[in-house]
Amino acid sequence: MTAIVERLAGDLRHLGVRPGDTVMVHASLRSIGRGEPGGQVEADVVVDAIDRALGPEGTWLMVLGASEAHGRFEALTTPVLEE
């Protein structure tokens, strides 16, 4: 476990995330900031930190596929992006 994963997991716990919780995640990697000196935090680091904070009994959800090209995200009407 890297130090940045531990730091982010600790930050999540400080915000009130507890093992076994269910959380909805919607974040920009740029808003999380720098991980290693001179480097951007990578998505897999954030995933590991969320998993670490929630533990094996926790559940997390995130939005996938919404893009600015479609304007505001509406769950019932925003089209799914084809891969």
C-alpha atoms as a PDB file:
ATOM      1  CA  MET A   1       0.000   0.000   0.000  1.00  0.00           C
ATOM      2  CA  THR A   2       1.519   3.287  -1.036  1.00  0.00           C
ATOM      3  CA  ALA A   3       1.686   6.313   1.194  1.00  0.00           C
ATOM      4  CA  ILE A   4      -0.629   8.297  -1.097  1.00  0.00           C
ATOM      5  CA  VAL A   5      -3.326   5.577  -0.865  1.00  0.00           C
ATOM      6  CA  GLU A   6      -3.071   5.642   2.917  1.00  0.00           C
ATOM      7  CA  ARG A   7      -3.231   9.449   2.947  1.00  0.00           C
ATOM      8  CA  LEU A   8      -6.313   9.572   0.714  1.00  0.00           C
ATOM      9  CA  ALA A   9      -8.029   6.787   2.699  1.00  0.00           C
ATOM     10  CA  GLY A  10      -7.298   8.761   5.874  1.00  0.00           C
ATOM     11  CA  ASP A  11      -8.743  11.895   4.275  1.00  0.00           C
ATOM     12  CA  LEU A  12     -11.914   9.967   3.426  1.00  0.00           C
ATOM     13  CA  ARG A  13     -12.172   8.682   7.008  1.00  0.00           C
ATOM     14  CA  HIS A  14     -11.688  12.258   8.242  1.00  0.00           C
ATOM     15  CA  LEU A  15     -14.673  13.245   6.060  1.00  0.00           C
ATOM     16  CA  GLY A  16     -16.767  10.581   7.785  1.00  0.00           C
ATOM     17  CA  VAL A  17     -16.439   7.577   5.462  1.00  0.00           C
ATOM     18  CA  ARG A  18     -16.502   4.395   7.532  1.00  0.00           C
ATOM     19  CA  PRO A  19     -15.943   0.721   6.723  1.00  0.00           C
ATOM     20  CA  GLY A  20     -19.182  -0.804   5.435  1.00  0.00           C
ATOM     21  CA  ASP A  21     -20.622   2.523   4.238  1.00  0.00           C
ATOM     22  CA  THR A  22     -22.224   3.089   0.849  1.00  0.00           C
ATOM     23  CA  VAL A  23     -20.956   6.186  -0.946  1.00  0.00           C
ATOM     24  CA  MET A  24     -21.525   7.871  -4.304  1.00  0.00           C
ATOM     25  CA  VAL A  25     -18.272   9.132  -5.841  1.00  0.00           C
ATOM     26  CA  HIS A  26     -18.180  11.934  -8.389  1.00  0.00           C
ATOM     27  CA  ALA A  27     -14.817  13.638  -8.493  1.00  0.00           C
ATOM     28  CA  SER A  28     -12.226  15.054 -10.816  1.00  0.00           C
ATOM     29  CA  LEU A  29      -8.712  13.671 -10.495  1.00  0.00           C
ATOM     30  CA  ARG A  30      -7.425  17.221 -11.021  1.00  0.00           C
ATOM     31  CA  SER A  31      -9.404  18.399  -7.996  1.00  0.00           C
ATOM     32  CA  ILE A  32      -7.793  15.719  -5.809  1.00  0.00           C
ATOM     33  CA  GLY A  33      -4.392  17.198  -6.565  1.00  0.00           C
ATOM     34  CA  ARG A  34      -0.863  15.900  -6.682  1.00  0.00           C
ATOM     35  CA  GLY A  35       0.063  12.490  -5.390  1.00  0.00           C
ATOM     36  CA  GLU A  36       3.732  11.929  -5.766  1.00  0.00           C
ATOM     37  CA  PRO A  37       5.976  14.978  -6.094  1.00  0.00           C
ATOM     38  CA  GLY A  38       5.446  16.410  -9.555  1.00  0.00           C
ATOM     39  CA  GLY A  39       2.783  13.882 -10.536  1.00  0.00           C
ATOM     40  CA  GLN A  40      -0.989  13.807 -10.805  1.00  0.00           C
ATOM     41  CA  VAL A  41      -2.925  11.286  -8.718  1.00  0.00           C
ATOM     42  CA  GLU A  42      -3.794   8.308 -10.923  1.00  0.00           C
ATOM     43  CA  ALA A  43      -7.282   6.780 -11.023  1.00  0.00           C
ATOM     44  CA  ASP A  44      -6.113   3.409  -9.662  1.00  0.00           C
ATOM     45  CA  VAL A  45      -4.700   5.156  -6.583  1.00  0.00           C
ATOM     46  CA  VAL A  46      -8.073   6.793  -5.895  1.00  0.00           C
ATOM     47  CA  VAL A  47      -9.872   3.461  -6.400  1.00  0.00           C
ATOM     48  CA  ASP A  48      -7.495   1.764  -3.954  1.00  0.00           C
ATOM     49  CA  ALA A  49      -8.008   4.550  -1.386  1.00  0.00           C
ATOM     50  CA  ILE A  50     -11.807   4.324  -1.612  1.00  0.00           C
ATOM     51  CA  ASP A  51     -11.628   0.531  -1.295  1.00  0.00           C
ATOM     52  CA  ARG A  52      -9.305   0.893   1.687  1.00  0.00           C
ATOM     53  CA  ALA A  53     -11.604   3.398   3.446  1.00  0.00           C
ATOM     54  CA  LEU A  54     -14.781   1.357   2.826  1.00  0.00           C
ATOM     55  CA  GLY A  55     -13.340  -2.081   3.481  1.00  0.00           C
ATOM     56  CA  PRO A  56     -14.665  -5.320   1.972  1.00  0.00           C
ATOM     57  CA  GLU A  57     -18.209  -4.727   3.232  1.00  0.00           C
ATOM     58  CA  GLY A  58     -18.499  -1.217   1.758  1.00  0.00           C
ATOM     59  CA  THR A  59     -20.124  -0.230  -1.515  1.00  0.00           C
ATOM     60  CA  TRP A  60     -19.299   2.642  -3.799  1.00  0.00           C
ATOM     61  CA  LEU A  61     -20.930   3.871  -6.956  1.00  0.00           C
ATOM     62  CA  MET A  62     -19.816   6.324  -9.604  1.00  0.00           C
ATOM     63  CA  VAL A  63     -21.157   7.937 -12.749  1.00  0.00           C
ATOM     64  CA  LEU A  64     -19.671   6.678 -16.001  1.00  0.00           C
ATOM     65  CA  GLY A  65     -20.193   7.876 -19.532  1.00  0.00           C
ATOM     66  CA  ALA A  66     -21.519  11.389 -18.980  1.00  0.00           C
ATOM     67  CA  SER A  67     -19.790  14.001 -21.067  1.00  0.00           C
ATOM     68  CA  GLU A  68     -19.955  17.750 -21.415  1.00  0.00           C
ATOM     69  CA  ALA A  69     -21.030  17.273 -25.043  1.00  0.00           C
ATOM     70  CA  HIS A  70     -24.477  16.310 -23.758  1.00  0.00           C
ATOM     71  CA  GLY A  71     -24.785  19.182 -21.288  1.00  0.00           C
ATOM     72  CA  ARG A  72     -26.247  18.567 -17.858  1.00  0.00           C
ATOM     73  CA  PHE A  73     -26.465  14.906 -16.809  1.00  0.00           C
ATOM     74  CA  GLU A  74     -30.009  13.605 -16.386  1.00  0.00           C
ATOM     75  CA  ALA A  75     -30.246   9.962 -15.325  1.00  0.00           C
ATOM     76  CA  LEU A  76     -33.351   9.234 -17.408  1.00  0.00           C
ATOM     77  CA  THR A  77     -32.444  11.113 -20.592  1.00  0.00           C
ATOM     78  CA  THR A  78     -28.658  11.424 -20.977  1.00  0.00           C
ATOM     79  CA  PRO A  79     -27.619   8.998 -23.733  1.00  0.00           C
ATOM     80  CA  VAL A  80     -25.109   6.241 -23.034  1.00  0.00           C
ATOM     81  CA  LEU A  81     -21.857   6.786 -24.921  1.00  0.00           C
ATOM     82  CA  GLU A  82     -20.905   4.007 -27.294  1.00  0.00           C
ATOM     83  CA  GLU A  83     -17.383   2.666 -26.906  1.00  0.00           C
END
